[in-house]
């Protein structure tokens, strides 16, 4: 038999409160087993658990109606509801287990494992975070939550990337400069587009035999101070085959306001093939340029090209920014693939079979010298031999993975820390962990 009770009627507040509390007691003692565990918490105290009616789920302004498996229907005025939430029975079971647990690391771990088997991801993470509050170095909890040790300090990947100066943009970690480029408004793009034909024209004048055009182009570049020209400058000048134009590009970048040229200047320091231009760009850098370009320099420490790693380390030493210390420690010894030449075996190996025949075994190709062939056939070389050819030696290129110790990185660390622990990365990590504690 279904019993329907309601507290949503026009009764005086004291009577309604009494009836509400009475119904709470009925629900708690008459309905121990529920299919769902949606919950209504009353502002006067007490809770109802059961399954929400559809109207309650679809209309938050309607009276909150909940029905138990025993058929008791509870309807509560919204003003009497302090809290309501739809949740499955397994979630309710979780909260019951939380109330019964003693709060120790062991009980939290058992409860986290129970959550894993019942596909309760958020609740599992809640228990793992509780473990870390009790035992910060619990490695398995840290691993599950996405932490790892970066130079002796527990951090998530997001925390580590943020500490290196990167920012998130549409789910990816990029440098602030890259983000700014991607977030340009239509008005900014239109302002930049004006500069492309102008810069191309002036670069063309620089190569013109007409001296007046060359001078006019130089004058235009020398007075250029608009940051919206940066994209056009980079497009026409950054990788120009004429080193003089790349040098002029560096000069223009150095004159742009608000450190707009920082990214381009550091790129020239790292990647330009001309030693003079790299030196010229380095001298043009200001302290604010180093600050703006720190993410690019840190990223360069992980370059596949060892020469770029070493150039970045020199600049980070100049930058005098301690944020770079963890990345420098990791770059003390870097692994790179280098190409080397090795000789190709030109020798002829041969052996003698049981029937007395002499056969070439390789790897070389060719015939045996007459005197060697005679000695082999007469049994004077019973164990075979390898005959090396005289004359031209062939070589082939092979890729080899090598570990490189970077003295420039060690120098930068010494500048920033006043310490010299050599290339012992572990010692540096332990020392930095103590400084960061």
Protein backbone atom coordinates (compact mmCIF):
# COMPACT_ATOMS: atom_id res chain seq x y z
CA UNK A 1 0.00 0.00 0.00
CA UNK A 2 1.39 3.39 -0.98
CA UNK A 3 1.34 6.05 1.69
CA UNK A 4 1.57 9.62 0.44
CA UNK A 5 2.46 12.35 2.89
CA UNK A 6 3.00 16.01 2.13
CA UNK A 7 4.36 19.00 3.96
CA UNK A 8 3.53 21.36 1.11
CA UNK A 9 0.30 22.79 2.33
CA UNK A 10 -0.94 25.99 3.84
CA UNK A 11 -0.30 25.42 7.51
CA UNK A 12 1.26 27.68 10.08
CA UNK A 13 5.10 27.62 10.19
CA UNK A 14 5.34 25.89 13.62
CA UNK A 15 2.94 23.16 12.54
CA UNK A 16 4.70 22.70 9.23
CA UNK A 17 8.05 22.41 11.04
CA UNK A 18 6.71 19.75 13.39
CA UNK A 19 5.18 17.80 10.51
CA UNK A 20 8.44 18.03 8.56
CA UNK A 21 10.46 16.60 11.44
CA UNK A 22 7.90 13.87 11.94
CA UNK A 23 8.18 12.84 8.30
CA UNK A 24 11.96 12.77 8.58
CA UNK A 25 11.66 10.19 11.36
CA UNK A 26 9.18 8.14 9.32
CA UNK A 27 11.52 8.11 6.33
CA UNK A 28 14.63 7.24 8.28
CA UNK A 29 13.10 4.32 10.19
CA UNK A 30 10.68 2.98 7.57
CA UNK A 31 12.89 3.08 4.46
CA UNK A 32 16.36 1.60 5.08
CA UNK A 33 16.89 0.30 1.50
CA UNK A 34 16.76 2.79 -1.39
CA UNK A 35 17.26 2.26 -5.11
CA UNK A 36 18.55 5.79 -5.51
CA UNK A 37 19.95 8.22 -2.98
CA UNK A 38 18.78 11.66 -4.11
CA UNK A 39 18.81 13.87 -1.07
CA UNK A 40 16.81 16.83 0.27
CA UNK A 41 18.26 18.56 3.32
CA UNK A 42 15.80 20.70 5.25
CA UNK A 43 16.56 24.15 6.55
CA UNK A 44 15.02 23.12 9.92
CA UNK A 45 17.28 20.08 10.11
CA UNK A 46 16.99 16.49 8.88
CA UNK A 47 17.18 14.89 5.44
CA UNK A 48 14.98 12.96 3.00
CA UNK A 49 16.53 10.38 0.67
CA UNK A 50 14.90 8.63 -2.26
CA UNK A 51 14.23 9.37 -5.92
CA UNK A 52 13.25 12.77 -7.25
CA UNK A 53 10.06 13.10 -9.26
CA UNK A 54 10.56 14.30 -12.84
CA UNK A 55 8.99 17.67 -12.12
CA UNK A 56 11.58 18.27 -9.40
CA UNK A 57 14.44 17.42 -11.80
CA UNK A 58 13.15 19.65 -14.60
CA UNK A 59 11.90 22.69 -12.65
CA UNK A 60 14.04 24.01 -9.81
CA UNK A 61 11.28 26.45 -8.79
CA UNK A 62 8.68 23.68 -8.28
CA UNK A 63 8.16 22.02 -4.90
CA UNK A 64 10.79 19.36 -4.22
CA UNK A 65 9.09 15.95 -4.48
CA UNK A 66 10.90 12.73 -3.62
CA UNK A 67 9.64 9.14 -3.43
CA UNK A 68 11.16 6.17 -1.61
CA UNK A 69 11.01 2.56 -2.74
CA UNK A 70 8.48 2.03 0.04
CA UNK A 71 6.15 4.32 -1.87
CA UNK A 72 6.26 7.24 0.55
CA UNK A 73 6.03 10.48 -1.38
CA UNK A 74 7.51 13.59 0.23
CA UNK A 75 6.80 17.07 -1.12
CA UNK A 76 8.64 20.00 0.43
CA UNK A 77 8.21 23.70 -0.27
CA UNK A 78 11.32 25.23 -1.78
CA UNK A 79 11.67 27.69 1.06
CA UNK A 80 12.07 24.76 3.45
CA UNK A 81 14.88 23.20 1.39
CA UNK A 82 18.42 24.04 2.44
CA UNK A 83 20.05 21.70 -0.08
CA UNK A 84 19.00 19.12 -2.67
CA UNK A 85 21.08 16.95 -4.97
CA UNK A 86 20.47 14.05 -7.32
CA UNK A 87 22.99 11.29 -6.79
CA UNK A 88 23.19 7.54 -7.23
CA UNK A 89 23.02 4.97 -4.45
CA UNK A 90 26.72 4.19 -4.82
CA UNK A 91 27.57 7.83 -4.06
CA UNK A 92 25.41 7.69 -0.95
CA UNK A 93 27.23 4.50 0.04
CA UNK A 94 30.51 6.37 -0.39
CA UNK A 95 29.42 9.09 2.03
CA UNK A 96 28.33 6.45 4.50
CA UNK A 97 31.78 4.86 4.31
CA UNK A 98 33.40 8.26 4.80
CA UNK A 99 31.39 8.78 7.99
CA UNK A 100 32.46 5.35 9.27
CA UNK A 101 36.16 5.71 8.38
CA UNK A 102 38.71 6.76 11.00
CA UNK A 103 40.44 9.27 8.69
CA UNK A 104 43.82 7.50 8.70
CA UNK A 105 46.05 7.10 5.63
CA UNK A 106 45.19 3.39 5.52
CA UNK A 107 41.43 3.94 5.63
CA UNK A 108 41.63 6.69 3.00
CA UNK A 109 43.65 4.40 0.74
CA UNK A 110 41.12 1.55 1.12
CA UNK A 111 38.27 3.95 0.40
CA UNK A 112 40.10 5.36 -2.64
CA UNK A 113 40.50 1.83 -3.97
CA UNK A 114 36.79 1.16 -3.36
CA UNK A 115 36.00 4.30 -5.37
CA UNK A 116 38.21 3.01 -8.21
CA UNK A 117 36.26 -0.24 -8.42
CA UNK A 118 32.97 1.69 -8.44
CA UNK A 119 34.09 4.28 -11.04
CA UNK A 120 33.84 7.24 -8.64
CA UNK A 121 36.68 9.36 -10.03
CA UNK A 122 36.01 12.62 -8.16
CA UNK A 123 35.48 10.84 -4.86
CA UNK A 124 38.67 8.81 -5.36
CA UNK A 125 40.64 12.01 -5.98
CA UNK A 126 39.10 13.46 -2.80
CA UNK A 127 40.45 10.56 -0.75
CA UNK A 128 43.87 10.73 -2.40
CA UNK A 129 44.11 14.44 -1.59
CA UNK A 130 43.18 13.60 2.01
CA UNK A 131 46.08 11.11 2.04
CA UNK A 132 48.47 13.84 0.86
CA UNK A 133 47.22 16.15 3.62
CA UNK A 134 48.27 13.45 6.10
CA UNK A 135 51.37 12.16 4.27
CA UNK A 136 52.67 14.65 1.66
CA UNK A 137 55.29 12.25 0.25
CA UNK A 138 52.89 9.34 -0.40
CA UNK A 139 54.31 8.41 -3.81
CA UNK A 140 51.45 6.28 -5.12
CA UNK A 141 48.82 8.91 -4.27
CA UNK A 142 50.99 11.57 -5.90
CA UNK A 143 51.39 9.44 -9.04
CA UNK A 144 47.67 8.78 -9.41
CA UNK A 145 46.87 12.48 -9.00
CA UNK A 146 49.33 13.34 -11.76
CA UNK A 147 52.28 14.56 -9.70
CA UNK A 148 55.92 13.85 -10.37
CA UNK A 149 59.13 15.17 -8.90
CA UNK A 150 60.73 18.06 -10.74
CA UNK A 151 64.14 18.72 -9.23
CA UNK A 152 63.09 17.27 -5.91
CA UNK A 153 59.73 19.07 -5.67
CA UNK A 154 56.31 17.46 -6.18
CA UNK A 155 54.39 19.23 -8.94
CA UNK A 156 51.73 18.43 -11.49
CA UNK A 157 52.67 18.94 -15.11
CA UNK A 158 50.52 22.08 -15.17
CA UNK A 159 52.30 23.48 -12.12
CA UNK A 160 55.69 22.71 -13.64
CA UNK A 161 54.84 24.31 -16.99
CA UNK A 162 53.50 27.40 -15.25
CA UNK A 163 56.70 27.61 -13.18
CA UNK A 164 58.67 27.65 -16.43
CA UNK A 165 56.74 30.65 -17.71
CA UNK A 166 54.36 28.87 -20.09
CA UNK A 167 50.65 29.67 -20.32
CA UNK A 168 47.68 27.54 -21.36
CA UNK A 169 45.87 28.36 -24.57
CA UNK A 170 43.05 26.14 -25.82
CA UNK A 171 44.39 23.11 -23.99
CA UNK A 172 48.05 23.56 -24.98
CA UNK A 173 51.03 25.01 -23.13
CA UNK A 174 52.70 27.75 -25.18
CA UNK A 175 54.86 30.81 -24.59
CA UNK A 176 53.12 34.10 -23.82
CA UNK A 177 54.36 35.41 -27.17
CA UNK A 178 52.76 32.53 -29.05
CA UNK A 179 49.52 33.09 -27.15
CA UNK A 180 49.52 36.78 -28.05
CA UNK A 181 49.97 35.90 -31.71
CA UNK A 182 47.06 33.44 -31.64
CA UNK A 183 44.73 35.77 -29.79
CA UNK A 184 45.01 38.67 -32.18
CA UNK A 185 41.75 40.38 -32.95
CA UNK A 186 40.57 41.08 -36.47
CA UNK A 187 41.49 44.74 -35.98
CA UNK A 188 45.04 43.75 -35.00
CA UNK A 189 45.39 41.50 -38.01
CA UNK A 190 44.18 44.30 -40.25
CA UNK A 191 46.67 46.72 -38.69
CA UNK A 192 49.49 44.21 -39.25
CA UNK A 193 48.51 43.53 -42.85
CA UNK A 194 49.19 47.17 -43.75
CA UNK A 195 52.88 46.66 -43.01
CA UNK A 196 53.55 43.62 -45.24
CA UNK A 197 53.74 45.49 -48.60
CA UNK A 198 55.66 48.38 -47.01
CA UNK A 199 58.34 46.18 -45.43
CA UNK A 200 58.72 44.08 -48.60
CA UNK A 201 59.18 47.28 -50.62
CA UNK A 202 61.83 48.66 -48.27
CA UNK A 203 63.72 45.36 -48.16
CA UNK A 204 63.72 45.41 -51.98
CA UNK A 205 65.14 48.95 -51.95
CA UNK A 206 68.01 47.83 -49.73
CA UNK A 207 69.18 45.50 -52.52
CA UNK A 208 68.66 48.15 -55.23
CA UNK A 209 71.62 49.67 -57.06
CA UNK A 210 70.01 53.07 -56.55
CA UNK A 211 71.76 54.57 -53.53
CA UNK A 212 68.87 56.97 -52.88
CA UNK A 213 66.45 54.06 -52.49
CA UNK A 214 68.86 52.31 -50.15
CA UNK A 215 69.09 55.41 -47.97
CA UNK A 216 65.31 55.91 -48.04
CA UNK A 217 64.77 52.32 -46.89
CA UNK A 218 67.28 52.69 -44.07
CA UNK A 219 65.55 55.87 -42.93
CA UNK A 220 62.18 54.11 -42.85
CA UNK A 221 63.52 51.24 -40.79
CA UNK A 222 65.39 53.51 -38.38
CA UNK A 223 62.25 55.47 -37.51
CA UNK A 224 59.97 52.42 -37.34
CA UNK A 225 58.51 52.15 -33.82
CA UNK A 226 55.13 50.49 -34.40
CA UNK A 227 54.85 46.99 -32.81
CA UNK A 228 52.15 46.02 -35.32
CA UNK A 229 54.93 45.89 -37.94
CA UNK A 230 56.60 42.98 -36.11
CA UNK A 231 54.92 40.19 -38.10
CA UNK A 232 55.85 41.81 -41.42
CA UNK A 233 59.44 42.41 -40.28
CA UNK A 234 59.79 38.78 -39.25
CA UNK A 235 58.32 37.52 -42.50
CA UNK A 236 60.67 39.52 -44.75
CA UNK A 237 63.87 39.89 -42.73
CA UNK A 238 64.33 37.17 -40.10
CA UNK A 239 65.77 34.49 -42.42
CA UNK A 240 66.98 36.71 -45.24
CA UNK A 241 70.05 35.28 -46.98
CA UNK A 242 71.80 38.69 -46.74
CA UNK A 243 73.37 38.95 -43.28
CA UNK A 244 73.28 42.76 -43.48
CA UNK A 245 69.48 42.71 -43.67
CA UNK A 246 69.27 40.32 -40.72
CA UNK A 247 71.51 42.68 -38.77
CA UNK A 248 69.23 45.59 -39.65
CA UNK A 249 66.29 43.44 -38.46
CA UNK A 250 67.99 43.08 -35.07
CA UNK A 251 68.46 46.85 -34.88
CA UNK A 252 64.76 47.48 -35.64
CA UNK A 253 63.69 44.93 -33.00
CA UNK A 254 65.85 46.63 -30.38
CA UNK A 255 64.08 49.95 -31.06
CA UNK A 256 60.51 48.64 -30.71
CA UNK A 257 58.72 49.82 -27.54
CA UNK A 258 57.30 47.66 -24.72
CA UNK A 259 59.80 44.85 -25.31
CA UNK A 260 57.86 43.84 -28.43
CA UNK A 261 61.13 42.74 -30.04
CA UNK A 262 62.30 40.50 -27.18
CA UNK A 263 61.18 37.23 -28.76
CA UNK A 264 62.83 38.03 -32.12
CA UNK A 265 66.08 39.20 -30.52
CA UNK A 266 66.44 36.02 -28.49
CA UNK A 267 65.69 33.91 -31.56
CA UNK A 268 68.57 35.62 -33.39
CA UNK A 269 70.85 34.93 -30.42
CA UNK A 270 69.93 31.26 -30.47
CA UNK A 271 69.49 30.36 -34.11
CA UNK A 272 71.28 32.77 -36.45
CA UNK A 273 74.16 31.12 -38.31
CA UNK A 274 76.22 34.34 -38.33
CA UNK A 275 78.40 34.84 -35.25
CA UNK A 276 78.42 38.62 -35.64
CA UNK A 277 74.62 38.83 -35.74
CA UNK A 278 74.29 36.64 -32.64
CA UNK A 279 76.77 38.91 -30.84
CA UNK A 280 74.96 42.04 -32.06
CA UNK A 281 71.58 40.68 -30.90
CA UNK A 282 72.95 39.70 -27.48
CA UNK A 283 74.30 43.21 -26.94
CA UNK A 284 70.89 44.64 -27.86
CA UNK A 285 69.11 42.70 -25.10
CA UNK A 286 67.86 44.62 -22.06
CA UNK A 287 66.88 43.13 -18.67
CA UNK A 288 63.20 43.42 -19.61
CA UNK A 289 63.90 41.47 -22.83
CA UNK A 290 65.35 38.61 -20.79
CA UNK A 291 62.29 38.59 -18.54
CA UNK A 292 59.86 38.48 -21.48
CA UNK A 293 61.89 35.84 -23.30
CA UNK A 294 62.50 33.48 -20.36
CA UNK A 295 60.08 30.76 -21.60
CA UNK A 296 61.83 30.65 -24.99
CA UNK A 297 65.25 30.32 -23.35
CA UNK A 298 64.07 27.53 -21.05
CA UNK A 299 62.52 25.71 -23.99
CA UNK A 300 65.80 26.02 -25.92
CA UNK A 301 67.58 24.05 -23.18
CA UNK A 302 65.70 21.00 -24.46
CA UNK A 303 66.69 21.53 -28.09
CA UNK A 304 67.87 18.61 -30.19
CA UNK A 305 70.80 20.80 -31.27
CA UNK A 306 73.48 20.94 -28.59
CA UNK A 307 74.78 24.27 -29.86
CA UNK A 308 71.35 25.82 -29.15
CA UNK A 309 71.37 24.37 -25.62
CA UNK A 310 74.74 25.98 -24.95
CA UNK A 311 73.72 29.36 -26.39
CA UNK A 312 70.56 29.37 -24.27
CA UNK A 313 72.60 28.63 -21.15
CA UNK A 314 74.86 31.61 -21.80
CA UNK A 315 71.83 33.91 -22.12
CA UNK A 316 70.22 32.49 -18.97
CA UNK A 317 73.42 33.24 -17.11
CA UNK A 318 73.12 36.84 -18.33
CA UNK A 319 69.42 36.96 -17.42
CA UNK A 320 70.13 36.42 -13.70
CA UNK A 321 66.71 34.87 -13.11
CA UNK A 322 66.59 32.09 -10.54
CA UNK A 323 63.41 30.65 -12.08
CA UNK A 324 65.68 29.06 -14.69
CA UNK A 325 67.67 27.01 -12.14
CA UNK A 326 65.57 23.78 -12.33
CA UNK A 327 65.73 23.75 -16.14
CA UNK A 328 69.47 24.42 -16.10
CA UNK A 329 70.02 21.52 -13.70
CA UNK A 330 68.24 19.17 -16.10
CA UNK A 331 70.40 20.47 -18.97
CA UNK A 332 73.79 19.85 -17.33
CA UNK A 333 74.11 16.68 -19.40
CA UNK A 334 71.99 16.39 -22.52
CA UNK A 335 71.60 13.59 -25.05
CA UNK A 336 71.90 14.28 -28.76
CA UNK A 337 72.09 12.32 -31.99
CA UNK A 338 75.21 13.12 -33.99
CA UNK A 339 76.37 11.83 -37.36
CA UNK A 340 79.80 10.30 -37.71
CA UNK A 341 81.76 8.51 -40.45
CA UNK A 342 82.81 4.89 -39.97
CA UNK A 343 84.93 2.72 -42.32
CA UNK A 344 83.22 0.11 -44.44
CA UNK A 345 84.81 -3.35 -44.21
CA UNK A 346 86.57 -3.98 -47.53
CA UNK A 347 88.10 -7.26 -46.45
CA UNK A 348 87.36 -10.67 -47.94
CA UNK A 349 86.67 -13.38 -45.36
CA UNK A 350 86.82 -17.02 -46.48
CA UNK A 351 86.77 -20.48 -45.03
CA UNK A 352 87.42 -24.06 -46.11
CA UNK A 353 84.61 -26.59 -46.14
CA UNK A 354 84.99 -30.27 -45.27
CA UNK A 355 85.36 -31.31 -48.92
CA UNK A 356 88.34 -28.98 -49.40
CA UNK A 357 86.50 -26.25 -51.30
CA UNK A 358 87.33 -22.64 -50.41
CA UNK A 359 84.34 -20.26 -50.21
CA UNK A 360 84.09 -16.51 -49.68
CA UNK A 361 82.11 -15.78 -46.49
CA UNK A 362 81.87 -11.96 -46.76
CA UNK A 363 81.19 -9.22 -45.93
CA UNK A 364 83.49 -7.96 -48.68
CA UNK A 365 83.03 -8.83 -52.32
CA UNK A 366 85.77 -10.01 -54.69
CA UNK A 367 88.26 -12.82 -55.28
CA UNK A 368 91.21 -14.05 -53.27
CA UNK A 369 94.79 -13.16 -54.24
CA UNK A 370 96.43 -16.14 -56.04
CA UNK A 371 98.98 -16.89 -53.31
CA UNK A 372 96.29 -16.87 -50.59
CA UNK A 373 93.97 -19.07 -52.68
CA UNK A 374 96.85 -21.58 -53.22
CA UNK A 375 97.69 -21.65 -49.51
CA UNK A 376 94.04 -22.29 -48.67
CA UNK A 377 93.65 -25.12 -51.21
CA UNK A 378 96.82 -26.85 -49.96
CA UNK A 379 95.57 -26.82 -46.36
CA UNK A 380 97.96 -24.18 -45.05
CA UNK A 381 95.07 -21.98 -43.80
CA UNK A 382 92.83 -24.52 -42.03
CA UNK A 383 91.01 -21.85 -39.99
CA UNK A 384 90.29 -19.44 -42.84
CA UNK A 385 91.40 -15.81 -42.86
CA UNK A 386 90.35 -12.22 -43.58
CA UNK A 387 92.23 -10.47 -46.36
CA UNK A 388 92.13 -6.64 -46.25
CA UNK A 389 92.27 -4.81 -49.55
CA UNK A 390 94.89 -2.18 -50.07
CA UNK A 391 94.17 1.29 -51.39
CA UNK A 392 91.02 3.43 -51.11
CA UNK A 393 88.99 2.98 -47.88
CA UNK A 394 85.23 3.55 -48.09
CA UNK A 395 83.25 5.22 -45.24
CA UNK A 396 79.58 5.49 -44.42
CA UNK A 397 77.62 7.94 -42.22
CA UNK A 398 75.88 6.55 -39.13
CA UNK A 399 73.85 8.24 -36.38
CA UNK A 400 75.16 7.86 -32.83
CA UNK A 401 73.42 8.91 -29.59
CA UNK A 402 75.86 10.68 -27.26
CA UNK A 403 75.67 12.36 -23.84
CA UNK A 404 77.16 15.85 -23.78
CA UNK A 405 78.29 17.73 -20.68
CA UNK A 406 77.48 21.41 -21.17
CA UNK A 407 80.06 23.68 -19.53
CA UNK A 408 77.97 26.74 -20.41
CA UNK A 409 75.10 25.34 -18.34
CA UNK A 410 77.41 24.79 -15.37
CA UNK A 411 78.72 28.36 -15.72
CA UNK A 412 75.16 29.72 -15.74
CA UNK A 413 74.28 27.76 -12.60
CA UNK A 414 77.38 29.07 -10.87
CA UNK A 415 76.38 32.64 -11.78
CA UNK A 416 72.86 32.18 -10.43
CA UNK A 417 73.68 30.20 -7.28
CA UNK A 418 77.26 30.91 -6.34
CA UNK A 419 77.75 27.12 -6.21
CA UNK A 420 79.69 24.69 -8.34
CA UNK A 421 78.62 21.09 -7.83
CA UNK A 422 80.02 19.94 -11.15
CA UNK A 423 77.92 17.89 -13.55
CA UNK A 424 76.36 15.78 -10.75
CA UNK A 425 72.71 16.43 -11.48
CA UNK A 426 71.53 14.52 -8.41
CA UNK A 427 73.62 16.72 -6.10
CA UNK A 428 72.19 19.84 -7.72
CA UNK A 429 68.63 18.52 -7.35
CA UNK A 430 69.10 17.78 -3.67
CA UNK A 431 70.61 21.21 -3.06
CA UNK A 432 67.79 22.96 -4.94
CA UNK A 433 65.14 20.96 -3.06
CA UNK A 434 66.60 22.29 0.21
CA UNK A 435 66.52 25.85 -1.12
CA UNK A 436 62.89 25.47 -2.25
CA UNK A 437 61.65 23.88 0.97
